[in-house]
Amino acid sequence: MKSFLKLCFYIYKRFIKDFLKIARPLSNLPNKDVVFKFDEECSATFQTLKNKLTTAPVMIAPEWNKDFELMCDASDYAVGAVLG
């Protein structure tokens, strides 16, 4: 959950309107002093974020006259990249 939220916050928050309001029920789950309780509200929040990340208009056509940022990550068995 922590990795999912970090990825969403770091890369996709600017593409999702009211991202912080939507993600609030999930944001307290990874804290040390909070019991991890994935209830119905958390499940609905996760589904909402997942839906917003996988449906239009998440991505838009690039502006070719601007610079791009390439973010890469690798592990022992996979390589991933995001063009921003």
Protein backbone atom coordinates (compact mmCIF):
# COMPACT_ATOMS: atom_id res chain seq x y z
CA MET A 1 0.00 0.00 0.00
CA LYS A 2 2.81 2.36 0.87
CA SER A 3 4.52 1.81 -2.50
CA PHE A 4 1.25 2.26 -4.39
CA LEU A 5 0.51 5.56 -2.64
CA LYS A 6 4.05 6.85 -3.17
CA LEU A 7 3.88 6.03 -6.87
CA CYS A 8 0.50 7.70 -7.26
CA PHE A 9 1.52 10.75 -5.26
CA TYR A 10 4.88 11.18 -6.98
CA ILE A 11 3.83 10.68 -10.59
CA TYR A 12 0.08 10.83 -11.03
CA LYS A 13 -1.26 13.33 -8.45
CA ARG A 14 -1.22 16.17 -10.96
CA PHE A 15 -3.39 14.16 -13.38
CA ILE A 16 -6.11 13.28 -10.85
CA LYS A 17 -8.34 16.11 -9.64
CA ASP A 18 -8.59 16.21 -5.81
CA PHE A 19 -6.08 13.37 -5.46
CA LEU A 20 -5.28 14.13 -1.82
CA LYS A 21 -8.96 14.19 -0.84
CA ILE A 22 -9.58 10.89 -2.60
CA ALA A 23 -6.50 9.16 -1.15
CA ARG A 24 -6.99 10.35 2.45
CA PRO A 25 -8.50 7.06 3.78
CA LEU A 26 -5.47 5.15 2.47
CA SER A 27 -2.82 7.63 3.55
CA ASN A 28 -2.96 6.72 7.26
CA LEU A 29 -2.66 2.95 6.75
CA PRO A 30 1.17 2.76 6.49
CA ASN A 31 1.78 4.82 9.67
CA LYS A 32 3.57 3.13 12.57
CA ASP A 33 1.02 3.83 15.31
CA VAL A 34 -2.06 2.97 13.27
CA VAL A 35 -3.56 -0.51 13.06
CA PHE A 36 -3.73 -1.62 9.41
CA LYS A 37 -7.46 -1.97 8.84
CA PHE A 38 -8.42 -2.20 5.16
CA ASP A 39 -12.16 -1.61 5.50
CA GLU A 40 -14.89 -0.88 2.97
CA GLU A 41 -13.96 2.81 2.73
CA CYS A 42 -10.34 1.93 1.94
CA SER A 43 -11.43 -0.59 -0.65
CA ALA A 44 -13.70 1.94 -2.34
CA THR A 45 -10.89 4.51 -2.29
CA PHE A 46 -8.44 2.04 -3.83
CA GLN A 47 -10.94 1.15 -6.57
CA THR A 48 -11.57 4.85 -7.27
CA LEU A 49 -7.85 5.56 -7.63
CA LYS A 50 -7.33 2.48 -9.77
CA ASN A 51 -10.22 3.52 -12.01
CA LYS A 52 -8.93 7.08 -12.36
CA LEU A 53 -5.45 5.80 -13.23
CA THR A 54 -6.65 3.42 -15.91
CA THR A 55 -9.32 5.46 -17.70
CA ALA A 56 -9.18 8.58 -19.83
CA PRO A 57 -8.20 11.40 -19.47
CA VAL A 58 -5.18 10.27 -17.44
CA MET A 59 -2.71 10.81 -20.24
CA ILE A 60 -2.64 13.59 -22.78
CA ALA A 61 -0.69 14.05 -25.98
CA PRO A 62 2.80 15.43 -25.29
CA GLU A 63 3.90 18.92 -26.19
CA TRP A 64 6.83 18.09 -28.45
CA ASN A 65 8.47 21.49 -28.02
CA LYS A 66 8.99 20.91 -24.26
CA ASP A 67 11.60 18.76 -22.51
CA PHE A 68 10.81 15.22 -21.35
CA GLU A 69 11.85 13.43 -18.18
CA LEU A 70 12.58 9.71 -18.28
CA MET A 71 12.19 7.93 -14.93
CA CYS A 72 13.54 4.37 -14.79
CA ASP A 73 13.62 1.58 -12.23
CA ALA A 74 14.94 -1.97 -12.38
CA SER A 75 14.98 -5.10 -10.25
CA ASP A 76 16.37 -8.61 -10.67
CA TYR A 77 13.65 -9.57 -13.14
CA ALA A 78 12.00 -6.44 -14.57
CA VAL A 79 12.71 -2.98 -15.92
CA GLY A 80 10.19 -0.14 -15.87
CA ALA A 81 10.18 3.37 -17.28
CA VAL A 82 7.86 6.36 -17.34
CA LEU A 83 8.16 9.21 -19.79
CA GLY A 84 7.06 12.43 -18.11
